[in-house]
């Protein structure tokens, strides 16, 4: 099983699922014309990951980093569905760590994460970051 990498565009986020470190990250902006179609490869990859690594007890922990600058309503619904999948994985004995990054002045993004965390009963780590931290991510890749 290879890692998943989707490059960012003006309307879609960078998505990395590194299966060596069991880390999934979402970066930048998500406002695709069709969120369900755009995120389908991510859902398929998570399903495959669950079948090959989770059910065989190969993975002990999964880290998910949400580092969005912005996402639209359609993406919020997709994130909720993804979180439901992570909750299912957690119930199979995998430690799921959800890091929700937000700019300190972006109360909306913080609140969106808090609502999702509470609605699904998942613990999030809320981490304030400066805008230039996202720029550092750009320079590293």
N, C-alpha and C. Protein backbone atom coordinates (compact mmCIF):
# COMPACT_ATOMS: atom_id res chain seq x y z
N UNK A 1 0.85 -1.18 0.00
CA UNK A 1 0.00 0.00 0.00
C UNK A 1 0.89 1.24 0.00
N UNK A 2 0.66 2.11 -0.97
CA UNK A 2 1.43 3.35 -1.08
C UNK A 2 0.71 4.49 -0.38
N UNK A 3 1.43 5.55 -0.08
CA UNK A 3 0.84 6.74 0.52
C UNK A 3 -0.02 7.46 -0.51
N UNK A 4 -0.91 8.32 -0.02
CA UNK A 4 -1.78 9.12 -0.87
C UNK A 4 -1.29 10.56 -0.83
N UNK A 5 -1.17 11.18 -2.01
CA UNK A 5 -0.76 12.59 -2.08
C UNK A 5 -1.59 13.27 -3.16
N UNK A 6 -2.31 14.31 -2.76
CA UNK A 6 -3.08 15.12 -3.69
C UNK A 6 -2.56 16.54 -3.58
N UNK A 7 -2.13 17.10 -4.68
CA UNK A 7 -1.58 18.46 -4.69
C UNK A 7 -2.70 19.49 -4.56
N UNK A 8 -2.40 20.60 -3.93
CA UNK A 8 -3.35 21.70 -3.76
C UNK A 8 -3.56 22.44 -5.09
N UNK A 9 -4.77 22.97 -5.24
CA UNK A 9 -5.07 23.89 -6.33
C UNK A 9 -5.66 25.14 -5.67
N UNK A 10 -6.12 26.06 -6.47
CA UNK A 10 -6.75 27.26 -5.93
C UNK A 10 -7.99 26.93 -5.10
N UNK A 11 -8.70 25.87 -5.50
CA UNK A 11 -9.97 25.55 -4.85
C UNK A 11 -9.94 24.28 -4.00
N UNK A 12 -8.85 23.54 -4.05
CA UNK A 12 -8.80 22.26 -3.33
C UNK A 12 -7.55 22.16 -2.46
N UNK A 13 -7.64 21.42 -1.37
CA UNK A 13 -6.52 21.35 -0.44
C UNK A 13 -5.44 20.36 -0.86
N UNK A 14 -4.29 20.53 -0.26
CA UNK A 14 -3.25 19.49 -0.34
C UNK A 14 -3.64 18.43 0.68
N UNK A 15 -3.58 17.18 0.25
CA UNK A 15 -3.92 16.07 1.15
C UNK A 15 -2.78 15.07 1.10
N UNK A 16 -2.27 14.72 2.26
CA UNK A 16 -1.20 13.73 2.37
C UNK A 16 -1.62 12.67 3.38
N UNK A 17 -1.52 11.41 2.96
CA UNK A 17 -1.73 10.31 3.90
C UNK A 17 -0.46 9.47 3.84
N UNK A 18 0.40 9.69 4.80
CA UNK A 18 1.69 8.99 4.87
C UNK A 18 1.47 7.70 5.67
N UNK A 19 1.50 6.58 4.98
CA UNK A 19 1.22 5.32 5.67
C UNK A 19 2.39 4.82 6.51
N UNK A 20 3.57 5.38 6.30
CA UNK A 20 4.71 5.00 7.15
C UNK A 20 4.53 5.58 8.55
N UNK A 21 4.08 6.83 8.63
CA UNK A 21 3.90 7.48 9.92
C UNK A 21 2.43 7.45 10.37
N UNK A 22 1.54 6.91 9.51
CA UNK A 22 0.10 6.88 9.81
C UNK A 22 -0.42 8.27 10.13
N UNK A 23 -0.07 9.23 9.26
CA UNK A 23 -0.48 10.61 9.42
C UNK A 23 -1.23 11.08 8.18
N UNK A 24 -2.39 11.65 8.40
CA UNK A 24 -3.21 12.21 7.33
C UNK A 24 -3.31 13.70 7.57
N UNK A 25 -2.98 14.50 6.55
CA UNK A 25 -3.06 15.96 6.72
C UNK A 25 -3.82 16.61 5.58
N UNK A 26 -4.57 17.64 5.95
CA UNK A 26 -5.33 18.46 5.02
C UNK A 26 -4.82 19.89 5.18
N UNK A 27 -4.39 20.51 4.07
CA UNK A 27 -3.77 21.82 4.14
C UNK A 27 -4.42 22.82 3.19
N UNK A 28 -4.55 24.04 3.64
CA UNK A 28 -4.93 25.21 2.85
C UNK A 28 -6.43 25.37 2.70
N UNK A 29 -6.91 25.50 1.46
CA UNK A 29 -8.29 25.87 1.17
C UNK A 29 -9.05 24.70 0.56
N UNK A 30 -10.32 24.56 0.96
CA UNK A 30 -11.16 23.51 0.37
C UNK A 30 -12.52 24.11 0.01
N UNK A 31 -12.67 24.38 -1.27
CA UNK A 31 -13.96 24.83 -1.81
C UNK A 31 -14.14 24.27 -3.22
N UNK A 32 -14.05 22.93 -3.33
CA UNK A 32 -14.19 22.31 -4.66
C UNK A 32 -15.61 22.46 -5.19
N UNK A 33 -15.74 22.43 -6.51
CA UNK A 33 -17.06 22.52 -7.14
C UNK A 33 -17.95 21.37 -6.68
N UNK A 34 -17.36 20.18 -6.52
CA UNK A 34 -18.11 19.01 -6.05
C UNK A 34 -17.26 18.32 -4.98
N UNK A 35 -17.56 18.60 -3.74
CA UNK A 35 -16.76 18.07 -2.63
C UNK A 35 -16.80 16.54 -2.56
N UNK A 36 -17.95 15.95 -2.83
CA UNK A 36 -18.07 14.49 -2.74
C UNK A 36 -17.15 13.83 -3.77
N UNK A 37 -17.15 14.34 -4.99
CA UNK A 37 -16.29 13.79 -6.04
C UNK A 37 -14.82 14.01 -5.71
N UNK A 38 -14.49 15.21 -5.26
CA UNK A 38 -13.08 15.51 -4.95
C UNK A 38 -12.56 14.60 -3.84
N UNK A 39 -13.32 14.41 -2.78
CA UNK A 39 -12.86 13.65 -1.62
C UNK A 39 -13.04 12.13 -1.75
N UNK A 40 -13.67 11.66 -2.82
CA UNK A 40 -13.88 10.22 -2.98
C UNK A 40 -12.59 9.41 -2.89
N UNK A 41 -11.49 9.84 -3.53
CA UNK A 41 -10.25 9.07 -3.38
C UNK A 41 -9.76 8.97 -1.93
N UNK A 42 -10.04 9.99 -1.12
CA UNK A 42 -9.66 9.97 0.29
C UNK A 42 -10.49 8.92 1.04
N UNK A 43 -11.80 8.91 0.79
CA UNK A 43 -12.66 7.90 1.42
C UNK A 43 -12.23 6.50 1.01
N UNK A 44 -11.95 6.33 -0.29
CA UNK A 44 -11.52 5.01 -0.78
C UNK A 44 -10.21 4.59 -0.12
N UNK A 45 -9.28 5.54 0.03
CA UNK A 45 -7.99 5.24 0.63
C UNK A 45 -8.16 4.86 2.10
N UNK A 46 -9.00 5.58 2.81
CA UNK A 46 -9.24 5.27 4.22
C UNK A 46 -9.88 3.88 4.36
N UNK A 47 -10.81 3.56 3.47
CA UNK A 47 -11.41 2.23 3.50
C UNK A 47 -10.35 1.15 3.30
N UNK A 48 -9.47 1.37 2.34
CA UNK A 48 -8.38 0.41 2.07
C UNK A 48 -7.43 0.33 3.26
N UNK A 49 -7.10 1.47 3.84
CA UNK A 49 -6.23 1.55 5.01
C UNK A 49 -6.84 0.75 6.16
N UNK A 50 -8.14 0.92 6.34
CA UNK A 50 -8.83 0.20 7.41
C UNK A 50 -8.77 -1.31 7.17
N UNK A 51 -9.01 -1.73 5.94
CA UNK A 51 -9.00 -3.16 5.62
C UNK A 51 -7.61 -3.79 5.76
N UNK A 52 -6.56 -3.06 5.31
CA UNK A 52 -5.23 -3.67 5.30
C UNK A 52 -4.43 -3.45 6.58
N UNK A 53 -4.58 -2.28 7.21
CA UNK A 53 -3.74 -1.98 8.37
C UNK A 53 -4.47 -2.00 9.70
N UNK A 54 -5.72 -1.56 9.72
CA UNK A 54 -6.45 -1.48 10.99
C UNK A 54 -6.95 -2.86 11.40
N UNK A 55 -7.64 -3.52 10.50
CA UNK A 55 -8.22 -4.83 10.83
C UNK A 55 -7.15 -5.88 11.11
N UNK A 56 -5.97 -5.72 10.51
CA UNK A 56 -4.88 -6.66 10.77
C UNK A 56 -4.05 -6.26 12.00
N UNK A 57 -4.48 -5.19 12.68
CA UNK A 57 -3.85 -4.72 13.92
C UNK A 57 -2.40 -4.25 13.70
N UNK A 58 -2.09 -3.81 12.49
CA UNK A 58 -0.73 -3.34 12.17
C UNK A 58 -0.52 -1.92 12.70
N UNK A 59 -1.58 -1.13 12.72
CA UNK A 59 -1.47 0.27 13.13
C UNK A 59 -2.01 0.44 14.55
N UNK A 60 -1.28 1.19 15.35
CA UNK A 60 -1.67 1.46 16.73
C UNK A 60 -2.24 2.87 16.90
N UNK A 61 -1.77 3.81 16.03
CA UNK A 61 -2.19 5.19 16.16
C UNK A 61 -2.32 5.83 14.78
N UNK A 62 -3.32 6.68 14.64
CA UNK A 62 -3.53 7.45 13.42
C UNK A 62 -3.63 8.92 13.82
N UNK A 63 -2.82 9.76 13.18
CA UNK A 63 -2.81 11.19 13.46
C UNK A 63 -3.43 11.92 12.28
N UNK A 64 -4.42 12.76 12.55
CA UNK A 64 -5.05 13.55 11.50
C UNK A 64 -4.82 15.02 11.81
N UNK A 65 -4.21 15.72 10.86
CA UNK A 65 -3.95 17.15 11.00
C UNK A 65 -4.85 17.93 10.05
N UNK A 66 -5.76 18.71 10.61
CA UNK A 66 -6.58 19.62 9.81
C UNK A 66 -5.93 20.99 9.89
N UNK A 67 -5.36 21.44 8.78
CA UNK A 67 -4.70 22.75 8.73
C UNK A 67 -5.32 23.60 7.62
N UNK A 68 -6.64 23.69 7.67
CA UNK A 68 -7.35 24.47 6.66
C UNK A 68 -7.24 25.96 6.96
N UNK A 69 -7.10 26.74 5.90
CA UNK A 69 -7.24 28.19 6.01
C UNK A 69 -8.70 28.56 5.86
N UNK A 70 -9.40 27.75 5.06
CA UNK A 70 -10.82 27.98 4.80
C UNK A 70 -11.41 26.70 4.22
N UNK A 71 -12.68 26.42 4.56
CA UNK A 71 -13.42 25.37 3.85
C UNK A 71 -14.89 25.78 3.77
N UNK A 72 -15.54 25.34 2.69
CA UNK A 72 -16.94 25.71 2.48
C UNK A 72 -17.87 24.71 3.17
N UNK A 73 -19.16 24.97 3.07
CA UNK A 73 -20.16 24.13 3.74
C UNK A 73 -20.13 22.69 3.24
N UNK A 74 -19.97 22.51 1.93
CA UNK A 74 -19.92 21.15 1.37
C UNK A 74 -18.73 20.38 1.95
N UNK A 75 -17.61 21.05 2.12
CA UNK A 75 -16.44 20.41 2.71
C UNK A 75 -16.69 20.09 4.17
N UNK A 76 -17.39 20.96 4.88
CA UNK A 76 -17.69 20.70 6.30
C UNK A 76 -18.46 19.38 6.43
N UNK A 77 -19.39 19.13 5.53
CA UNK A 77 -20.16 17.89 5.57
C UNK A 77 -19.24 16.69 5.31
N UNK A 78 -18.30 16.85 4.38
CA UNK A 78 -17.35 15.77 4.08
C UNK A 78 -16.45 15.52 5.28
N UNK A 79 -15.97 16.59 5.92
CA UNK A 79 -15.12 16.43 7.11
C UNK A 79 -15.88 15.65 8.19
N UNK A 80 -17.13 15.99 8.37
CA UNK A 80 -17.94 15.29 9.36
C UNK A 80 -17.99 13.79 9.04
N UNK A 81 -18.20 13.45 7.76
CA UNK A 81 -18.25 12.05 7.35
C UNK A 81 -16.89 11.37 7.56
N UNK A 82 -15.81 12.09 7.27
CA UNK A 82 -14.48 11.54 7.51
C UNK A 82 -14.28 11.27 9.01
N UNK A 83 -14.70 12.22 9.82
CA UNK A 83 -14.56 12.05 11.27
C UNK A 83 -15.35 10.85 11.78
N UNK A 84 -16.50 10.60 11.17
CA UNK A 84 -17.25 9.40 11.54
C UNK A 84 -16.45 8.14 11.23
N UNK A 85 -15.74 8.13 10.10
CA UNK A 85 -14.87 6.99 9.76
C UNK A 85 -13.75 6.84 10.79
N UNK A 86 -13.15 7.98 11.19
CA UNK A 86 -12.07 7.93 12.18
C UNK A 86 -12.59 7.42 13.52
N UNK A 87 -13.81 7.80 13.86
CA UNK A 87 -14.43 7.33 15.10
C UNK A 87 -14.60 5.81 15.06
N UNK A 88 -15.01 5.30 13.91
CA UNK A 88 -15.15 3.85 13.72
C UNK A 88 -13.79 3.15 13.87
N UNK A 89 -12.75 3.76 13.32
CA UNK A 89 -11.40 3.20 13.43
C UNK A 89 -10.96 3.21 14.89
N UNK A 90 -11.27 4.29 15.59
CA UNK A 90 -10.92 4.39 17.01
C UNK A 90 -11.58 3.27 17.82
N UNK A 91 -12.82 2.95 17.48
CA UNK A 91 -13.56 1.90 18.18
C UNK A 91 -12.93 0.52 17.94
N UNK A 92 -12.07 0.41 16.93
CA UNK A 92 -11.38 -0.85 16.64
C UNK A 92 -10.04 -0.95 17.38
N UNK A 93 -9.80 -0.01 18.29
CA UNK A 93 -8.61 -0.09 19.13
C UNK A 93 -7.43 0.75 18.67
N UNK A 94 -7.63 1.58 17.65
CA UNK A 94 -6.55 2.44 17.17
C UNK A 94 -6.66 3.79 17.87
N UNK A 95 -5.54 4.29 18.39
CA UNK A 95 -5.53 5.61 18.98
C UNK A 95 -5.62 6.65 17.87
N UNK A 96 -6.68 7.46 17.88
CA UNK A 96 -6.88 8.48 16.86
C UNK A 96 -6.60 9.85 17.49
N UNK A 97 -5.62 10.55 16.92
CA UNK A 97 -5.25 11.89 17.40
C UNK A 97 -5.68 12.88 16.33
N UNK A 98 -6.56 13.80 16.71
CA UNK A 98 -7.05 14.80 15.76
C UNK A 98 -6.53 16.17 16.18
N UNK A 99 -5.69 16.74 15.33
CA UNK A 99 -5.13 18.07 15.56
C UNK A 99 -5.86 19.06 14.66
N UNK A 100 -6.50 20.04 15.26
CA UNK A 100 -7.27 21.04 14.54
C UNK A 100 -6.55 22.37 14.67
N UNK A 101 -5.89 22.78 13.61
CA UNK A 101 -5.12 24.02 13.60
C UNK A 101 -6.01 25.18 13.16
N UNK A 102 -5.84 26.31 13.77
CA UNK A 102 -6.61 27.50 13.41
C UNK A 102 -5.77 28.73 13.68
N UNK A 103 -6.06 29.79 12.94
CA UNK A 103 -5.41 31.07 13.19
C UNK A 103 -6.07 31.68 14.42
N UNK A 104 -5.27 32.26 15.34
CA UNK A 104 -5.84 32.78 16.58
C UNK A 104 -6.98 33.79 16.39
N UNK A 105 -6.99 34.46 15.25
CA UNK A 105 -8.05 35.45 15.00
C UNK A 105 -9.23 34.86 14.25
N UNK A 106 -9.19 33.57 13.94
CA UNK A 106 -10.25 32.93 13.17
C UNK A 106 -11.16 32.13 14.09
N UNK A 107 -12.08 32.84 14.74
CA UNK A 107 -13.00 32.19 15.67
C UNK A 107 -13.93 31.21 14.97
N UNK A 108 -14.27 31.49 13.71
CA UNK A 108 -15.19 30.62 12.98
C UNK A 108 -14.59 29.24 12.77
N UNK A 109 -13.34 29.19 12.37
CA UNK A 109 -12.68 27.90 12.12
C UNK A 109 -12.53 27.12 13.43
N UNK A 110 -12.18 27.80 14.50
CA UNK A 110 -12.08 27.16 15.81
C UNK A 110 -13.45 26.61 16.23
N UNK A 111 -14.47 27.43 16.10
CA UNK A 111 -15.81 27.01 16.51
C UNK A 111 -16.30 25.82 15.69
N UNK A 112 -16.00 25.83 14.39
CA UNK A 112 -16.40 24.70 13.53
C UNK A 112 -15.80 23.39 14.06
N UNK A 113 -14.53 23.43 14.43
CA UNK A 113 -13.87 22.25 14.98
C UNK A 113 -14.48 21.83 16.31
N UNK A 114 -14.78 22.80 17.15
CA UNK A 114 -15.38 22.49 18.45
C UNK A 114 -16.74 21.84 18.30
N UNK A 115 -17.53 22.30 17.34
CA UNK A 115 -18.85 21.73 17.09
C UNK A 115 -18.72 20.28 16.63
N UNK A 116 -17.80 20.04 15.70
CA UNK A 116 -17.60 18.69 15.19
C UNK A 116 -17.11 17.75 16.29
N UNK A 117 -16.17 18.23 17.09
CA UNK A 117 -15.63 17.43 18.18
C UNK A 117 -16.74 17.01 19.15
N UNK A 118 -17.55 17.98 19.52
CA UNK A 118 -18.62 17.71 20.48
C UNK A 118 -19.71 16.81 19.87
N UNK A 119 -20.08 17.07 18.63
CA UNK A 119 -21.15 16.30 17.98
C UNK A 119 -20.79 14.83 17.83
N UNK A 120 -19.52 14.55 17.58
CA UNK A 120 -19.09 13.17 17.35
C UNK A 120 -18.49 12.51 18.59
N UNK A 121 -18.27 13.29 19.63
CA UNK A 121 -17.67 12.73 20.83
C UNK A 121 -16.21 12.36 20.63
N UNK A 122 -15.54 13.09 19.74
CA UNK A 122 -14.12 12.87 19.50
C UNK A 122 -13.31 13.98 20.14
N UNK A 123 -12.19 13.62 20.74
CA UNK A 123 -11.31 14.61 21.35
C UNK A 123 -10.44 15.24 20.26
N UNK A 124 -10.45 16.54 20.18
CA UNK A 124 -9.59 17.28 19.26
C UNK A 124 -8.53 18.01 20.08
N UNK A 125 -7.35 18.15 19.51
CA UNK A 125 -6.34 19.06 20.03
C UNK A 125 -6.47 20.34 19.22
N UNK A 126 -6.87 21.42 19.86
CA UNK A 126 -7.02 22.70 19.17
C UNK A 126 -5.71 23.48 19.29
N UNK A 127 -5.09 23.74 18.16
CA UNK A 127 -3.76 24.32 18.14
C UNK A 127 -3.75 25.61 17.35
N UNK A 128 -3.50 26.71 18.04
CA UNK A 128 -3.40 28.00 17.36
C UNK A 128 -2.09 28.07 16.60
N UNK A 129 -2.15 28.54 15.39
CA UNK A 129 -0.94 28.69 14.60
C UNK A 129 -0.96 30.03 13.88
N UNK A 130 0.19 30.52 13.57
CA UNK A 130 0.30 31.77 12.82
C UNK A 130 0.19 31.46 11.34
N UNK A 131 -0.23 32.44 10.55
CA UNK A 131 -0.39 32.23 9.11
C UNK A 131 0.90 31.78 8.45
N UNK A 132 2.03 32.31 8.90
CA UNK A 132 3.29 31.96 8.24
C UNK A 132 3.69 30.50 8.46
N UNK A 133 3.05 29.82 9.42
CA UNK A 133 3.33 28.38 9.60
C UNK A 133 2.85 27.61 8.38
N UNK A 134 1.73 28.03 7.78
CA UNK A 134 1.26 27.39 6.56
C UNK A 134 2.23 27.69 5.41
N UNK A 135 2.77 28.89 5.40
CA UNK A 135 3.75 29.24 4.37
C UNK A 135 5.01 28.40 4.52
N UNK A 136 5.41 28.10 5.76
CA UNK A 136 6.56 27.23 5.98
C UNK A 136 6.30 25.86 5.39
N UNK A 137 5.06 25.37 5.52
CA UNK A 137 4.71 24.09 4.90
C UNK A 137 4.93 24.14 3.41
N UNK A 138 4.56 25.29 2.78
CA UNK A 138 4.77 25.43 1.34
C UNK A 138 6.24 25.33 0.98
N UNK A 139 7.08 25.96 1.77
CA UNK A 139 8.50 26.03 1.45
C UNK A 139 9.19 24.68 1.66
N UNK A 140 8.66 23.85 2.57
CA UNK A 140 9.28 22.56 2.83
C UNK A 140 9.02 21.57 1.71
N UNK A 141 7.90 21.75 0.98
CA UNK A 141 7.52 20.78 -0.06
C UNK A 141 7.99 21.17 -1.42
